[in-house]
Amino acid sequence: MNGMQSELAGATIALGTTIAGAMDDVPGFVPCGTPAQAVIEALGAAGTAEPETDLSQRIARVRGLVEHVSGHRGVPAHDGADVSALSPAAKRLLDALLVFAASANAETLSPDGASWLYRSLAALGSGEDERADAQLAAAPRG
């Protein structure tokens, strides 16, 4: 992952963490498919080579969504994560998220799949290996 891809992945972790905070505030709430699609697109771009201008635009969009979710749901906007500092357990989960985003499973994301996606990003944002391992174990199989 180059620097821009890492920045995009970090911003996407911030978005997932912010969305998970909104989910925690309203039990049973899982956002509509729009944020999930934005997360999947951002993870897909972070995992593949794209021109830096495209990555820069994606980073700005993801950061804008963090602020939107925060303002709309009244939850703290989380900062991006430094993906180069992720633990081995967290790197395995990030790799699984990148593979998932590139898979056909991502195209037909169920509410449970969206919840797993957001909770996985929040686990990365937490820095807790136990949460990362639990999310990796709960990954959708396909």
Protein backbone atom coordinates (compact mmCIF):
# COMPACT_ATOMS: atom_id res chain seq x y z
CA MET A 1 0.00 0.00 0.00
CA ASN A 2 1.43 3.40 -0.93
CA GLY A 3 1.00 6.53 1.21
CA MET A 4 -2.25 7.68 -0.40
CA GLN A 5 -3.74 4.19 -0.20
CA SER A 6 -2.79 4.02 3.48
CA GLU A 7 -4.35 7.44 4.06
CA LEU A 8 -7.55 6.29 2.37
CA ALA A 9 -7.62 3.09 4.44
CA GLY A 10 -7.11 5.17 7.60
CA ALA A 11 -9.93 7.54 6.67
CA THR A 12 -12.16 4.54 5.97
CA ILE A 13 -11.37 3.14 9.41
CA ALA A 14 -12.44 6.51 10.85
CA LEU A 15 -15.72 6.33 8.91
CA GLY A 16 -16.46 2.78 10.09
CA THR A 17 -15.63 3.73 13.67
CA THR A 18 -17.90 6.77 13.50
CA ILE A 19 -20.75 4.69 12.02
CA ALA A 20 -20.26 2.00 14.68
CA GLY A 21 -20.59 4.74 17.30
CA ALA A 22 -23.95 5.70 15.79
CA MET A 23 -24.96 2.03 15.81
CA ASP A 24 -24.05 1.80 19.50
CA ASP A 25 -26.26 4.82 20.26
CA VAL A 26 -29.33 3.28 18.60
CA PRO A 27 -29.52 -0.49 19.18
CA GLY A 28 -30.58 -2.31 16.04
CA PHE A 29 -29.62 0.60 13.78
CA VAL A 30 -27.58 -0.28 10.70
CA PRO A 31 -27.20 2.52 8.14
CA CYS A 32 -28.62 2.21 4.65
CA GLY A 33 -26.52 0.86 1.82
CA THR A 34 -25.03 4.22 0.79
CA PRO A 35 -22.32 4.37 3.49
CA ALA A 36 -21.60 0.66 3.05
CA GLN A 37 -21.08 1.17 -0.67
CA ALA A 38 -18.81 4.15 0.03
CA VAL A 39 -16.79 2.02 2.47
CA ILE A 40 -16.52 -0.85 0.00
CA GLU A 41 -15.45 1.50 -2.80
CA ALA A 42 -12.86 3.16 -0.56
CA LEU A 43 -11.46 -0.18 0.60
CA GLY A 44 -11.37 -1.38 -3.00
CA ALA A 45 -9.42 1.71 -4.02
CA ALA A 46 -7.07 1.35 -1.05
CA GLY A 47 -6.30 -2.18 -2.16
CA THR A 48 -5.61 -1.41 -5.82
CA ALA A 49 -3.46 1.02 -7.74
CA GLU A 50 -5.33 4.18 -8.73
CA PRO A 51 -4.06 7.58 -9.82
CA GLU A 52 -3.24 9.81 -6.84
CA THR A 53 -5.83 12.39 -7.90
CA ASP A 54 -8.55 9.73 -7.69
CA LEU A 55 -7.30 8.62 -4.28
CA SER A 56 -7.20 12.22 -3.07
CA GLN A 57 -10.82 12.71 -4.12
CA ARG A 58 -11.84 9.47 -2.41
CA ILE A 59 -10.07 10.52 0.81
CA ALA A 60 -11.94 13.85 0.78
CA ARG A 61 -15.26 12.05 0.19
CA VAL A 62 -14.68 9.59 3.04
CA ARG A 63 -13.65 12.37 5.42
CA GLY A 64 -16.77 14.29 4.40
CA LEU A 65 -18.89 11.23 5.23
CA VAL A 66 -17.23 11.01 8.67
CA GLU A 67 -18.31 14.60 9.35
CA HIS A 68 -21.78 13.95 7.90
CA VAL A 69 -22.40 10.89 10.08
CA SER A 70 -21.05 12.67 13.12
CA GLY A 71 -23.23 15.73 12.59
CA HIS A 72 -26.33 13.80 11.55
CA ARG A 73 -26.14 11.21 14.32
CA GLY A 74 -24.59 13.34 17.07
CA VAL A 75 -21.61 11.05 17.61
CA PRO A 76 -17.93 11.96 17.72
CA ALA A 77 -16.12 12.08 14.40
CA HIS A 78 -13.18 9.72 14.63
CA ASP A 79 -9.74 10.45 13.25
CA GLY A 80 -8.07 8.21 10.74
CA ALA A 81 -5.84 5.37 11.78
CA ASP A 82 -2.19 4.96 10.88
CA VAL A 83 -2.36 1.66 9.00
CA SER A 84 1.42 1.31 9.07
CA ALA A 85 1.18 1.04 12.87
CA LEU A 86 -1.49 -1.70 12.93
CA SER A 87 -0.69 -4.83 14.91
CA PRO A 88 -0.32 -8.16 13.09
CA ALA A 89 -3.88 -9.12 14.15
CA ALA A 90 -5.25 -5.83 12.85
CA LYS A 91 -3.31 -6.18 9.58
CA ARG A 92 -4.92 -9.60 9.05
CA LEU A 93 -8.36 -8.05 9.54
CA LEU A 94 -7.53 -5.16 7.20
CA ASP A 95 -6.34 -7.65 4.58
CA ALA A 96 -9.61 -9.57 4.98
CA LEU A 97 -11.57 -6.33 4.52
CA LEU A 98 -9.62 -5.49 1.37
CA VAL A 99 -10.28 -8.97 -0.05
CA PHE A 100 -13.95 -8.73 0.92
CA ALA A 101 -14.31 -5.32 -0.77
CA ALA A 102 -12.97 -6.81 -4.00
CA SER A 103 -15.25 -9.87 -3.83
CA ALA A 104 -18.66 -10.50 -5.30
CA ASN A 105 -19.99 -10.77 -1.72
CA ALA A 106 -19.55 -7.02 -1.34
CA GLU A 107 -22.01 -6.37 -4.18
CA THR A 108 -24.93 -7.93 -2.28
CA LEU A 109 -24.22 -6.72 1.22
CA SER A 110 -26.87 -7.70 3.75
CA PRO A 111 -27.55 -5.68 6.91
CA ASP A 112 -25.54 -8.28 8.85
CA GLY A 113 -22.70 -7.94 6.37
CA ALA A 114 -22.80 -4.14 6.66
CA SER A 115 -22.75 -4.41 10.44
CA TRP A 116 -19.72 -6.72 10.25
CA LEU A 117 -18.00 -4.25 7.92
CA TYR A 118 -18.52 -1.26 10.23
CA ARG A 119 -17.68 -3.22 13.38
CA SER A 120 -14.52 -4.53 11.73
CA LEU A 121 -13.39 -1.02 10.88
CA ALA A 122 -14.18 0.06 14.45
CA ALA A 123 -12.11 -2.87 15.73
CA LEU A 124 -9.19 -1.57 13.67
CA GLY A 125 -9.77 1.91 15.07
CA SER A 126 -9.78 0.58 18.63
CA GLY A 127 -6.30 -0.91 18.46
CA GLU A 128 -7.57 -3.94 20.39
CA ASP A 129 -6.29 -7.23 18.98
CA GLU A 130 -9.08 -9.21 20.64
CA ARG A 131 -11.70 -7.19 18.76
CA ALA A 132 -9.80 -7.58 15.49
CA ASP A 133 -9.53 -11.35 16.00
CA ALA A 134 -13.24 -11.62 16.87
CA GLN A 135 -14.24 -9.69 13.74
CA LEU A 136 -11.94 -11.79 11.58
CA ALA A 137 -13.50 -14.95 12.99
CA ALA A 138 -16.98 -13.55 12.18
CA ALA A 139 -16.10 -12.65 8.58
CA PRO A 140 -18.75 -13.55 6.02
CA ARG A 141 -17.88 -16.72 4.16
CA GLY A 142 -18.51 -16.99 0.51
